[in-house]
C-alpha atoms as a PDB file:
ATOM      1  CA  MET A   1      13.360  -9.571  -5.106  1.00  0.00           C
ATOM      2  CA  ILE A   2      16.271 -11.896  -4.458  1.00  0.00           C
ATOM      3  CA  THR A   3      18.594 -12.598  -7.352  1.00  0.00           C
ATOM      4  CA  GLY A   4      21.427 -14.957  -8.229  1.00  0.00           C
ATOM      5  CA  ASP A   5      23.708 -16.316  -5.517  1.00  0.00           C
ATOM      6  CA  LYS A   6      21.605 -14.733  -2.748  1.00  0.00           C
ATOM      7  CA  ILE A   7      18.961 -17.453  -3.209  1.00  0.00           C
ATOM      8  CA  LYS A   8      19.570 -19.821  -0.275  1.00  0.00           C
ATOM      9  CA  ALA A   9      17.064 -22.602  -1.072  1.00  0.00           C
ATOM     10  CA  ASP A  10      18.417 -26.027  -2.071  1.00  0.00           C
ATOM     11  CA  GLU A  11      15.997 -26.306  -4.990  1.00  0.00           C
ATOM     12  CA  VAL A  12      13.649 -23.949  -6.800  1.00  0.00           C
ATOM     13  CA  ARG A  13      10.623 -24.118  -9.099  1.00  0.00           C
ATOM     14  CA  LEU A  14      12.105 -22.716 -12.302  1.00  0.00           C
ATOM     15  CA  TYR A  15      10.289 -20.794 -15.026  1.00  0.00           C
ATOM     16  CA  GLY A  16      12.002 -20.041 -18.350  1.00  0.00           C
ATOM     17  CA  LEU A  17      12.428 -16.810 -20.292  1.00  0.00           C
ATOM     18  CA  ASP A  18       8.991 -17.178 -21.916  1.00  0.00           C
ATOM     19  CA  GLY A  19       7.276 -18.211 -18.671  1.00  0.00           C
ATOM     20  CA  GLU A  20       7.332 -21.948 -19.383  1.00  0.00           C
ATOM     21  CA  ASP A  21       7.514 -24.221 -16.328  1.00  0.00           C
ATOM     22  CA  LEU A  22      10.874 -26.025 -16.251  1.00  0.00           C
ATOM     23  CA  GLY A  23      10.003 -27.892 -13.050  1.00  0.00           C
ATOM     24  CA  ILE A  24      11.791 -28.219  -9.723  1.00  0.00           C
ATOM     25  CA  VAL A  25      15.572 -28.090 -10.140  1.00  0.00           C
ATOM     26  CA  PRO A  26      18.534 -27.678  -7.775  1.00  0.00           C
ATOM     27  CA  THR A  27      19.484 -24.032  -7.244  1.00  0.00           C
ATOM     28  CA  LYS A  28      23.044 -24.621  -8.527  1.00  0.00           C
ATOM     29  CA  GLU A  29      21.671 -26.039 -11.768  1.00  0.00           C
ATOM     30  CA  ALA A  30      19.293 -23.061 -12.152  1.00  0.00           C
ATOM     31  CA  LEU A  31      22.209 -20.630 -11.619  1.00  0.00           C
ATOM     32  CA  GLU A  32      24.320 -22.468 -14.230  1.00  0.00           C
ATOM     33  CA  LEU A  33      21.428 -22.300 -16.696  1.00  0.00           C
ATOM     34  CA  ALA A  34      21.084 -18.553 -16.042  1.00  0.00           C
ATOM     35  CA  ARG A  35      24.821 -18.003 -16.638  1.00  0.00           C
ATOM     36  CA  LYS A  36      24.706 -20.119 -19.808  1.00  0.00           C
ATOM     37  CA  HIS A  37      21.871 -17.974 -21.250  1.00  0.00           C
ATOM     38  CA  LYS A  38      23.431 -14.747 -19.849  1.00  0.00           C
ATOM     39  CA  VAL A  39      20.313 -13.826 -17.848  1.00  0.00           C
ATOM     40  CA  ASP A  40      19.445 -13.351 -14.168  1.00  0.00           C
ATOM     41  CA  LEU A  41      17.791 -15.875 -11.877  1.00  0.00           C
ATOM     42  CA  VAL A  42      15.168 -14.002  -9.833  1.00  0.00           C
ATOM     43  CA  CYS A  43      13.190 -15.401  -6.900  1.00  0.00           C
ATOM     44  CA  THR A  44       9.642 -14.053  -7.110  1.00  0.00           C
ATOM     45  CA  SER A  45       8.317 -15.222  -3.701  1.00  0.00           C
ATOM     46  CA  LEU A  46       9.811 -16.558  -0.497  1.00  0.00           C
ATOM     47  CA  MET A  47       6.459 -17.788   0.800  1.00  0.00           C
ATOM     48  CA  ALA A  48       6.332 -20.966  -1.309  1.00  0.00           C
ATOM     49  CA  SER A  49       8.361 -24.130  -0.908  1.00  0.00           C
ATOM     50  CA  PRO A  50      10.280 -24.558  -3.159  1.00  0.00           C
ATOM     51  CA  PRO A  51      10.460 -20.838  -4.012  1.00  0.00           C
ATOM     52  CA  PRO A  52       9.425 -19.921  -7.564  1.00  0.00           C
ATOM     53  CA  CYS A  53      12.252 -18.436  -9.620  1.00  0.00           C
ATOM     54  CA  ARG A  54      12.340 -17.227 -13.198  1.00  0.00           C
ATOM     55  CA  LEU A  55      14.985 -16.504 -15.759  1.00  0.00           C
ATOM     56  CA  ILE A  56      14.849 -12.815 -16.697  1.00  0.00           C
ATOM     57  CA  GLY A  57      17.046 -10.743 -19.015  1.00  0.00           C
ATOM     58  CA  LYS A  58      19.329  -8.386 -17.100  1.00  0.00           C
ATOM     59  CA  SER A  59      17.747  -5.186 -18.475  1.00  0.00           C
ATOM     60  CA  GLN A  60      14.264  -6.546 -17.765  1.00  0.00           C
ATOM     61  CA  ALA A  61      15.252  -7.340 -14.149  1.00  0.00           C
ATOM     62  CA  LYS A  62      16.432  -3.765 -13.593  1.00  0.00           C
ATOM     63  CA  GLU A  63      13.183  -2.397 -15.060  1.00  0.00           C
ATOM     64  CA  GLN A  64      11.103  -4.578 -12.744  1.00  0.00           C
ATOM     65  CA  LEU A  65      13.145  -3.520  -9.730  1.00  0.00           C
ATOM     66  CA  LEU A  66      12.724   0.170 -10.580  1.00  0.00           C
ATOM     67  CA  ALA A  67       9.003  -0.293 -11.218  1.00  0.00           C
ATOM     68  CA  ALA A  68       8.585  -1.938  -7.809  1.00  0.00           C
ATOM     69  CA  GLU A  69      10.298   1.053  -6.168  1.00  0.00           C
ATOM     70  CA  ARG A  70       8.033   3.523  -7.993  1.00  0.00           C
ATOM     71  CA  VAL A  71       4.795   1.922  -6.808  1.00  0.00           C
ATOM     72  CA  HIS A  72       3.043   4.250  -4.354  1.00  0.00           C
ATOM     73  CA  LYS A  73       1.926   2.385  -1.264  1.00  0.00           C
ATOM     74  CA  PRO A  74      -1.134   4.164   0.133  1.00  0.00           C
ATOM     75  CA  LYS A  75      -0.953   5.297   3.735  1.00  0.00           C
ATOM     76  CA  VAL A  76      -3.585   6.286   6.272  1.00  0.00           C
ATOM     77  CA  LYS A  77      -2.931   9.764   7.621  1.00  0.00           C
ATOM     78  CA  GLU A  78      -4.743  10.948  10.721  1.00  0.00           C
ATOM     79  CA  LEU A  79      -6.189  14.421  11.204  1.00  0.00           C
ATOM     80  CA  ARG A  80      -7.275  15.290  14.754  1.00  0.00           C
ATOM     81  CA  LEU A  81     -10.019  17.784  15.521  1.00  0.00           C
ATOM     82  CA  THR A  82     -12.303  18.863  18.370  1.00  0.00           C
ATOM     83  CA  PRO A  83     -16.013  19.736  18.171  1.00  0.00           C
ATOM     84  CA  GLN A  84     -15.269  23.340  19.242  1.00  0.00           C
ATOM     85  CA  ILE A  85     -13.002  23.945  16.218  1.00  0.00           C
ATOM     86  CA  GLU A  86     -13.243  27.426  14.738  1.00  0.00           C
ATOM     87  CA  ASP A  87     -14.215  27.978  11.105  1.00  0.00           C
ATOM     88  CA  HIS A  88     -10.752  29.001   9.933  1.00  0.00           C
ATOM     89  CA  ASP A  89      -9.113  25.982  11.577  1.00  0.00           C
ATOM     90  CA  LEU A  90     -11.775  23.691  10.124  1.00  0.00           C
ATOM     91  CA  GLU A  91     -11.073  25.080   6.655  1.00  0.00           C
ATOM     92  CA  THR A  92      -7.355  24.423   7.154  1.00  0.00           C
ATOM     93  CA  LYS A  93      -8.018  20.800   8.178  1.00  0.00           C
ATOM     94  CA  ARG A  94     -10.344  20.336   5.188  1.00  0.00           C
ATOM     95  CA  LEU A  95      -7.634  21.606   2.825  1.00  0.00           C
ATOM     96  CA  GLN A  96      -5.106  19.235   4.436  1.00  0.00           C
ATOM     97  CA  ALA A  97      -7.498  16.340   3.929  1.00  0.00           C
ATOM     98  CA  GLU A  98      -8.022  17.325   0.271  1.00  0.00           C
ATOM     99  CA  ARG A  99      -4.260  17.440  -0.300  1.00  0.00           C
ATOM    100  CA  ILE A 100      -3.802  14.007   1.303  1.00  0.00           C
ATOM    101  CA  LEU A 101      -6.616  12.474  -0.780  1.00  0.00           C
ATOM    102  CA  ARG A 102      -5.220  13.971  -4.007  1.00  0.00           C
ATOM    103  CA  ALA A 103      -1.846  12.365  -3.176  1.00  0.00           C
ATOM    104  CA  GLY A 104      -3.588   8.971  -3.107  1.00  0.00           C
ATOM    105  CA  ASP A 105      -3.516   8.401   0.649  1.00  0.00           C
ATOM    106  CA  SER A 106      -6.443   7.756   2.990  1.00  0.00           C
ATOM    107  CA  VAL A 107      -7.495  10.222   5.697  1.00  0.00           C
ATOM    108  CA  LEU A 108      -8.604   9.185   9.183  1.00  0.00           C
ATOM    109  CA  LEU A 109     -10.602  12.020  10.743  1.00  0.00           C
ATOM    110  CA  CYS A 110     -10.570  11.773  14.555  1.00  0.00           C
ATOM    111  CA  VAL A 111     -12.726  14.151  16.588  1.00  0.00           C
ATOM    112  CA  LYS A 112     -11.854  14.146  20.298  1.00  0.00           C
ATOM    113  CA  ILE A 113     -14.891  13.991  22.575  1.00  0.00           C
ATOM    114  CA  SER A 114     -15.072  15.177  26.187  1.00  0.00           C
ATOM    115  CA  GLY A 115     -18.335  15.026  28.062  1.00  0.00           C
ATOM    116  CA  LYS A 116     -21.560  15.095  26.052  1.00  0.00           C
ATOM    117  CA  GLU A 117     -20.101  16.225  22.712  1.00  0.00           C
ATOM    118  CA  GLY A 118     -20.882  12.992  20.841  1.00  0.00           C
ATOM    119  CA  GLN A 119     -23.587  14.510  18.615  1.00  0.00           C
ATOM    120  CA  ALA A 120     -21.457  17.575  17.803  1.00  0.00           C
ATOM    121  CA  ALA A 121     -18.531  15.314  16.883  1.00  0.00           C
ATOM    122  CA  ARG A 122     -20.766  13.182  14.633  1.00  0.00           C
ATOM    123  CA  LYS A 123     -22.117  16.308  12.884  1.00  0.00           C
ATOM    124  CA  LEU A 124     -18.579  17.597  12.329  1.00  0.00           C
ATOM    125  CA  CYS A 125     -17.550  14.264  10.755  1.00  0.00           C
ATOM    126  CA  GLU A 126     -20.678  14.229   8.557  1.00  0.00           C
ATOM    127  CA  GLU A 127     -19.944  17.767   7.381  1.00  0.00           C
ATOM    128  CA  LEU A 128     -16.345  16.924   6.462  1.00  0.00           C
ATOM    129  CA  VAL A 129     -17.379  13.708   4.678  1.00  0.00           C
ATOM    130  CA  ARG A 130     -19.913  15.696   2.651  1.00  0.00           C
ATOM    131  CA  GLU A 131     -17.325  18.357   1.719  1.00  0.00           C
ATOM    132  CA  LEU A 132     -14.704  15.735   0.751  1.00  0.00           C
ATOM    133  CA  LYS A 133     -17.155  13.618  -1.292  1.00  0.00           C
ATOM    134  CA  PRO A 134     -15.698  14.680  -4.714  1.00  0.00           C
ATOM    135  CA  LEU A 135     -12.234  13.407  -3.680  1.00  0.00           C
ATOM    136  CA  GLY A 136     -12.971  10.413  -1.480  1.00  0.00           C
ATOM    137  CA  ARG A 137     -15.560   8.092  -0.046  1.00  0.00           C
ATOM    138  CA  PRO A 138     -15.870   6.852   3.531  1.00  0.00           C
ATOM    139  CA  GLN A 139     -14.521   3.352   4.056  1.00  0.00           C
ATOM    140  CA  THR A 140     -16.731   2.853   7.096  1.00  0.00           C
ATOM    141  CA  GLY A 141     -19.526   4.775   8.745  1.00  0.00           C
ATOM    142  CA  ILE A 142     -18.840   7.345  11.430  1.00  0.00           C
ATOM    143  CA  GLN A 143     -17.820   5.470  14.554  1.00  0.00           C
ATOM    144  CA  VAL A 144     -18.460   7.163  17.891  1.00  0.00           C
ATOM    145  CA  SER A 145     -16.787   5.275  20.705  1.00  0.00           C
ATOM    146  CA  GLY A 146     -15.523   6.369  24.077  1.00  0.00           C
ATOM    147  CA  LYS A 147     -13.488   9.517  23.703  1.00  0.00           C
ATOM    148  CA  GLN A 148     -13.517   9.993  19.937  1.00  0.00           C
ATOM    149  CA  ALA A 149     -15.568   9.923  16.768  1.00  0.00           C
ATOM    150  CA  SER A 150     -13.735   8.755  13.662  1.00  0.00           C
ATOM    151  CA  VAL A 151     -14.233   8.032   9.991  1.00  0.00           C
ATOM    152  CA  GLN A 152     -11.728   6.891   7.375  1.00  0.00           C
ATOM    153  CA  ILE A 153     -12.007   8.390   3.909  1.00  0.00           C
ATOM    154  CA  ASP A 154     -10.321   6.568   1.011  1.00  0.00           C
ATOM    155  CA  PRO A 155      -9.375   8.385  -2.201  1.00  0.00           C
ATOM    156  CA  ILE A 156     -11.430   7.797  -5.333  1.00  0.00           C
ATOM    157  CA  ALA A 157      -9.121   6.056  -7.801  1.00  0.00           C
END
């Protein structure tokens, strides 16, 4: 969010305190109007021309900025396995995947294949998907290609 004098555009599409469209005005005029009403001028998007800006009370602008920082952006975290994984290690990886899904992130399970282990890798992925079903659902099917089998599991919201 760009505010006040940091807005570099010559003119902006201005929206008032109640969201009413005030039209396209020069940036200097919009800043003067903001000062006159003792509020902030906030640019909501840089992708449009002219950029849309709105007049927002100073306390409201701070709240919006803090809310934007608090939003959790989901990530995709990769867990690597092999078809010959031992039971204890498999349990550890399953617990890691559960923890990641509970945190709201997606898990990409990658099983490394060497030789003719494609079926074993697919079975391992199917088993993990089945065990993680209460916490997440597969985004795609199990993909076996080249040297790995993989499946991405997204958390259930």
